[in-house]
């Protein structure tokens, strides 16, 4: 009898000042959508519209039907309130950096 292996993966979602990482094992042949559903992240962030969030693996955008591999980090991307490049430009004009942002402007 052959023992089926599970894949070890992570599901990640972040809000301002908060990041959730869920580690789990899923069967070989699981899709990104299946892993998201199994992770329980939708129950943690009920107010967020996770069904429509773009997704990716290790920073590379993927379709929800993509099959995952062991070690994948599945990321749910929320829509940003502003473009980070624009904020850096704004801060640079004030002579500040991103590490000093909270003393000048509210990024959210």
N, C-alpha and C. Protein backbone atom coordinates (compact mmCIF):
# COMPACT_ATOMS: atom_id res chain seq x y z
N UNK A 1 0.85 -1.19 0.00
CA UNK A 1 0.00 0.00 0.00
C UNK A 1 0.89 1.25 0.00
N UNK A 2 0.67 2.16 -0.93
CA UNK A 2 1.46 3.36 -1.05
C UNK A 2 0.87 4.46 -0.17
N UNK A 3 1.77 5.11 0.58
CA UNK A 3 1.34 6.21 1.44
C UNK A 3 1.38 7.51 0.63
N UNK A 4 0.26 8.21 0.57
CA UNK A 4 0.20 9.48 -0.15
C UNK A 4 0.85 10.56 0.69
N UNK A 5 1.62 11.39 0.03
CA UNK A 5 2.26 12.50 0.73
C UNK A 5 1.40 13.75 0.64
N UNK A 6 1.48 14.53 1.68
CA UNK A 6 0.83 15.84 1.67
C UNK A 6 1.88 16.90 1.37
N UNK A 7 1.43 18.03 0.88
CA UNK A 7 2.30 19.15 0.60
C UNK A 7 2.20 20.15 1.74
N UNK A 8 3.34 20.67 2.19
CA UNK A 8 3.34 21.71 3.22
C UNK A 8 3.36 23.06 2.53
N UNK A 9 2.38 23.90 2.87
CA UNK A 9 2.24 25.22 2.26
C UNK A 9 1.86 26.25 3.32
N UNK A 10 1.90 27.52 2.92
CA UNK A 10 1.46 28.62 3.76
C UNK A 10 0.45 29.46 3.00
N UNK A 11 -0.50 30.01 3.73
CA UNK A 11 -1.44 30.99 3.18
C UNK A 11 -1.21 32.28 3.96
N UNK A 12 -1.04 33.39 3.23
CA UNK A 12 -0.68 34.66 3.86
C UNK A 12 -1.64 35.75 3.42
N UNK A 13 -2.06 36.57 4.40
CA UNK A 13 -2.86 37.76 4.11
C UNK A 13 -2.45 38.83 5.10
N UNK A 14 -2.37 40.07 4.64
CA UNK A 14 -1.94 41.15 5.52
C UNK A 14 -2.83 42.37 5.38
N UNK A 15 -3.03 43.02 6.50
CA UNK A 15 -3.67 44.33 6.56
C UNK A 15 -2.64 45.28 7.15
N UNK A 16 -2.94 46.55 7.21
CA UNK A 16 -2.01 47.50 7.80
C UNK A 16 -1.72 47.11 9.25
N UNK A 17 -0.47 46.83 9.54
CA UNK A 17 -0.06 46.50 10.90
C UNK A 17 -0.38 45.09 11.35
N UNK A 18 -0.86 44.25 10.47
CA UNK A 18 -1.25 42.89 10.85
C UNK A 18 -1.01 41.93 9.70
N UNK A 19 -0.39 40.81 10.00
CA UNK A 19 -0.16 39.78 8.99
C UNK A 19 -0.53 38.43 9.57
N UNK A 20 -1.24 37.63 8.80
CA UNK A 20 -1.62 36.29 9.23
C UNK A 20 -0.97 35.28 8.30
N UNK A 21 -0.27 34.32 8.89
CA UNK A 21 0.34 33.23 8.14
C UNK A 21 -0.23 31.93 8.68
N UNK A 22 -0.83 31.16 7.80
CA UNK A 22 -1.40 29.87 8.19
C UNK A 22 -0.61 28.77 7.49
N UNK A 23 -0.02 27.89 8.27
CA UNK A 23 0.72 26.76 7.72
C UNK A 23 -0.19 25.54 7.76
N UNK A 24 -0.21 24.80 6.65
CA UNK A 24 -1.05 23.61 6.62
C UNK A 24 -0.50 22.60 5.61
N UNK A 25 -1.03 21.41 5.72
CA UNK A 25 -0.69 20.35 4.77
C UNK A 25 -1.92 20.03 3.96
N UNK A 26 -1.70 19.90 2.65
CA UNK A 26 -2.81 19.62 1.73
C UNK A 26 -2.41 18.47 0.81
N UNK A 27 -3.39 17.79 0.24
CA UNK A 27 -3.08 16.67 -0.66
C UNK A 27 -2.41 17.14 -1.95
N UNK A 28 -1.59 16.30 -2.52
CA UNK A 28 -1.01 16.55 -3.84
C UNK A 28 -2.17 16.76 -4.82
N UNK A 29 -2.03 17.71 -5.72
CA UNK A 29 -3.07 18.01 -6.69
C UNK A 29 -4.01 19.11 -6.25
N UNK A 30 -3.72 19.74 -5.10
CA UNK A 30 -4.57 20.83 -4.61
C UNK A 30 -4.31 22.11 -5.40
N UNK A 31 -5.37 22.88 -5.60
CA UNK A 31 -5.25 24.17 -6.29
C UNK A 31 -5.13 25.28 -5.25
N UNK A 32 -4.74 26.45 -5.72
CA UNK A 32 -4.68 27.61 -4.82
C UNK A 32 -6.03 27.83 -4.15
N UNK A 33 -7.10 27.77 -4.93
CA UNK A 33 -8.44 27.98 -4.36
C UNK A 33 -8.76 26.95 -3.28
N UNK A 34 -8.41 25.70 -3.53
CA UNK A 34 -8.65 24.65 -2.55
C UNK A 34 -7.88 24.86 -1.27
N UNK A 35 -6.65 25.32 -1.39
CA UNK A 35 -5.82 25.58 -0.20
C UNK A 35 -6.39 26.75 0.58
N UNK A 36 -6.80 27.80 -0.12
CA UNK A 36 -7.40 28.96 0.57
C UNK A 36 -8.64 28.52 1.35
N UNK A 37 -9.48 27.72 0.73
CA UNK A 37 -10.69 27.24 1.40
C UNK A 37 -10.35 26.40 2.61
N UNK A 38 -9.37 25.52 2.48
CA UNK A 38 -9.00 24.64 3.59
C UNK A 38 -8.33 25.39 4.74
N UNK A 39 -7.67 26.50 4.43
CA UNK A 39 -6.90 27.24 5.43
C UNK A 39 -7.77 27.88 6.51
N UNK A 40 -9.01 28.22 6.18
CA UNK A 40 -9.88 28.90 7.13
C UNK A 40 -9.67 30.40 7.17
N UNK A 41 -8.87 30.94 6.26
CA UNK A 41 -8.58 32.38 6.26
C UNK A 41 -9.83 33.21 6.01
N UNK A 42 -10.79 32.66 5.28
CA UNK A 42 -12.03 33.40 5.01
C UNK A 42 -12.85 33.60 6.27
N UNK A 43 -12.71 32.70 7.22
CA UNK A 43 -13.43 32.84 8.49
C UNK A 43 -12.74 33.88 9.39
N UNK A 44 -11.43 34.03 9.25
CA UNK A 44 -10.68 35.00 10.05
C UNK A 44 -10.97 36.42 9.56
N UNK A 45 -11.02 36.60 8.25
CA UNK A 45 -11.22 37.93 7.65
C UNK A 45 -12.56 37.98 6.93
N UNK A 46 -13.61 37.87 7.67
CA UNK A 46 -14.95 37.88 7.07
C UNK A 46 -15.30 39.20 6.42
N UNK A 47 -14.78 40.31 6.93
CA UNK A 47 -15.13 41.61 6.38
C UNK A 47 -14.38 41.90 5.07
N UNK A 48 -13.30 41.22 4.85
CA UNK A 48 -12.53 41.42 3.61
C UNK A 48 -13.17 40.62 2.48
N UNK A 49 -13.01 41.10 1.28
CA UNK A 49 -13.58 40.42 0.12
C UNK A 49 -12.50 39.52 -0.48
N UNK A 50 -12.23 38.42 0.20
CA UNK A 50 -11.14 37.53 -0.22
C UNK A 50 -11.46 36.77 -1.49
N UNK A 51 -12.73 36.63 -1.82
CA UNK A 51 -13.12 35.92 -3.04
C UNK A 51 -12.62 36.63 -4.29
N UNK A 52 -12.49 37.95 -4.20
CA UNK A 52 -12.11 38.74 -5.37
C UNK A 52 -10.66 39.20 -5.33
N UNK A 53 -9.96 38.93 -4.23
CA UNK A 53 -8.56 39.35 -4.13
C UNK A 53 -7.70 38.61 -5.14
N UNK A 54 -6.79 39.32 -5.79
CA UNK A 54 -5.81 38.62 -6.62
C UNK A 54 -4.96 37.71 -5.73
N UNK A 55 -4.43 36.64 -6.29
CA UNK A 55 -3.60 35.71 -5.52
C UNK A 55 -2.28 35.47 -6.25
N UNK A 56 -1.33 34.95 -5.51
CA UNK A 56 -0.04 34.63 -6.11
C UNK A 56 0.73 33.66 -5.25
N UNK A 57 1.86 33.22 -5.78
CA UNK A 57 2.77 32.35 -5.06
C UNK A 57 4.13 33.03 -5.06
N UNK A 58 4.64 33.29 -3.88
CA UNK A 58 5.93 33.95 -3.71
C UNK A 58 6.05 35.21 -4.57
N UNK A 59 5.01 36.05 -4.54
CA UNK A 59 5.06 37.34 -5.21
C UNK A 59 4.76 37.32 -6.70
N UNK A 60 4.43 36.18 -7.25
CA UNK A 60 4.12 36.07 -8.66
C UNK A 60 2.63 35.76 -8.82
N UNK A 61 1.93 36.63 -9.54
CA UNK A 61 0.48 36.47 -9.70
C UNK A 61 0.15 35.14 -10.37
N UNK A 62 -0.89 34.48 -9.86
CA UNK A 62 -1.33 33.18 -10.37
C UNK A 62 -2.85 33.14 -10.44
N UNK A 63 -3.35 32.21 -11.23
CA UNK A 63 -4.79 31.93 -11.27
C UNK A 63 -5.14 31.06 -10.07
N UNK A 64 -6.36 31.16 -9.60
CA UNK A 64 -6.78 30.36 -8.45
C UNK A 64 -6.82 28.86 -8.76
N UNK A 65 -6.86 28.52 -10.03
CA UNK A 65 -6.89 27.11 -10.42
C UNK A 65 -5.49 26.48 -10.49
N UNK A 66 -4.45 27.28 -10.28
CA UNK A 66 -3.06 26.78 -10.34
C UNK A 66 -2.83 25.71 -9.28
N UNK A 67 -2.20 24.61 -9.68
CA UNK A 67 -1.86 23.56 -8.72
C UNK A 67 -0.63 23.98 -7.93
N UNK A 68 -0.64 23.69 -6.65
CA UNK A 68 0.45 24.12 -5.78
C UNK A 68 1.50 23.02 -5.62
N UNK A 69 2.67 23.44 -5.15
CA UNK A 69 3.77 22.53 -4.87
C UNK A 69 4.17 22.69 -3.40
N UNK A 70 4.88 21.71 -2.89
CA UNK A 70 5.33 21.77 -1.51
C UNK A 70 6.23 22.99 -1.31
N UNK A 71 6.01 23.71 -0.23
CA UNK A 71 6.81 24.89 0.08
C UNK A 71 6.24 26.18 -0.48
N UNK A 72 5.14 26.12 -1.23
CA UNK A 72 4.55 27.33 -1.79
C UNK A 72 4.00 28.23 -0.69
N UNK A 73 4.12 29.52 -0.91
CA UNK A 73 3.55 30.54 -0.04
C UNK A 73 2.45 31.21 -0.85
N UNK A 74 1.21 30.90 -0.54
CA UNK A 74 0.06 31.44 -1.26
C UNK A 74 -0.31 32.77 -0.62
N UNK A 75 -0.27 33.81 -1.43
CA UNK A 75 -0.52 35.15 -0.94
C UNK A 75 -1.81 35.70 -1.52
N UNK A 76 -2.62 36.30 -0.66
CA UNK A 76 -3.83 37.00 -1.08
C UNK A 76 -3.50 38.48 -1.06
N UNK A 77 -3.67 39.14 -2.20
CA UNK A 77 -3.29 40.54 -2.32
C UNK A 77 -4.51 41.44 -2.19
N UNK A 78 -4.48 42.31 -1.21
CA UNK A 78 -5.58 43.27 -1.06
C UNK A 78 -5.30 44.48 -1.95
N UNK A 79 -6.32 45.20 -2.26
CA UNK A 79 -6.17 46.39 -3.08
C UNK A 79 -5.60 47.51 -2.21
N UNK A 80 -4.61 48.21 -2.72
CA UNK A 80 -3.96 49.28 -1.97
C UNK A 80 -4.77 50.57 -2.08
N UNK A 81 -4.71 51.35 -1.00
CA UNK A 81 -5.39 52.65 -1.00
C UNK A 81 -4.62 53.68 -1.81
N UNK A 82 -3.32 53.45 -1.95
CA UNK A 82 -2.49 54.39 -2.70
C UNK A 82 -1.32 53.62 -3.31
N UNK A 83 -0.69 54.22 -4.29
CA UNK A 83 0.46 53.63 -4.94
C UNK A 83 1.70 53.89 -4.08
N UNK A 84 2.42 52.85 -3.65
CA UNK A 84 3.61 53.05 -2.82
C UNK A 84 4.66 53.94 -3.47
N UNK A 85 4.78 53.90 -4.78
CA UNK A 85 5.74 54.77 -5.47
C UNK A 85 5.37 56.24 -5.28
N UNK A 86 4.08 56.52 -5.38
CA UNK A 86 3.63 57.90 -5.18
C UNK A 86 3.91 58.37 -3.76
N UNK A 87 3.71 57.50 -2.79
CA UNK A 87 3.97 57.86 -1.39
C UNK A 87 5.46 58.12 -1.16
N UNK A 88 6.33 57.30 -1.77
CA UNK A 88 7.78 57.51 -1.62
C UNK A 88 8.18 58.85 -2.24
N UNK A 89 7.61 59.17 -3.40
CA UNK A 89 7.90 60.46 -4.03
C UNK A 89 7.47 61.62 -3.13
N UNK A 90 6.27 61.49 -2.57
CA UNK A 90 5.74 62.51 -1.67
C UNK A 90 6.66 62.72 -0.47
N UNK A 91 7.09 61.63 0.12
CA UNK A 91 7.99 61.71 1.27
C UNK A 91 9.34 62.28 0.88
N UNK A 92 9.84 61.89 -0.29
CA UNK A 92 11.14 62.39 -0.75
C UNK A 92 11.10 63.91 -0.92
N UNK A 93 9.99 64.44 -1.41
CA UNK A 93 9.86 65.88 -1.55
C UNK A 93 9.93 66.59 -0.20
N UNK A 94 9.54 65.88 0.84
CA UNK A 94 9.59 66.44 2.20
C UNK A 94 10.91 66.12 2.89
N UNK A 95 11.80 65.44 2.18
CA UNK A 95 13.11 65.10 2.75
C UNK A 95 13.06 63.96 3.74
N UNK A 96 12.06 63.09 3.61
CA UNK A 96 11.90 61.97 4.54
C UNK A 96 11.92 60.65 3.79
N UNK A 97 12.02 59.56 4.54
CA UNK A 97 12.00 58.22 3.94
C UNK A 97 10.80 57.45 4.46
N UNK A 98 10.58 56.25 3.90
CA UNK A 98 9.46 55.42 4.34
C UNK A 98 9.57 55.08 5.83
N UNK A 99 10.77 54.97 6.37
CA UNK A 99 10.91 54.63 7.79
C UNK A 99 10.47 55.79 8.69
N UNK A 100 10.37 56.98 8.14
CA UNK A 100 9.94 58.15 8.90
C UNK A 100 8.53 58.59 8.54
N UNK A 101 7.82 57.80 7.78
CA UNK A 101 6.53 58.19 7.23
C UNK A 101 5.50 58.57 8.27
N UNK A 102 5.44 57.86 9.39
CA UNK A 102 4.38 58.08 10.37
C UNK A 102 4.49 59.42 11.08
N UNK A 103 5.65 60.04 11.00
CA UNK A 103 5.79 61.35 11.62
C UNK A 103 5.26 62.47 10.73
N UNK A 104 4.97 62.14 9.47
CA UNK A 104 4.54 63.15 8.53
C UNK A 104 3.12 63.00 8.05
N UNK A 105 2.82 61.82 7.51
CA UNK A 105 1.52 61.62 6.89
C UNK A 105 0.97 60.25 7.26
N UNK A 106 -0.32 60.13 7.18
CA UNK A 106 -0.97 58.84 7.40
C UNK A 106 -1.10 58.14 6.06
N UNK A 107 -0.52 56.94 5.94
CA UNK A 107 -0.52 56.23 4.66
C UNK A 107 -1.84 55.55 4.35
N UNK A 108 -2.74 55.50 5.27
CA UNK A 108 -4.05 54.85 5.00
C UNK A 108 -5.13 55.82 4.93
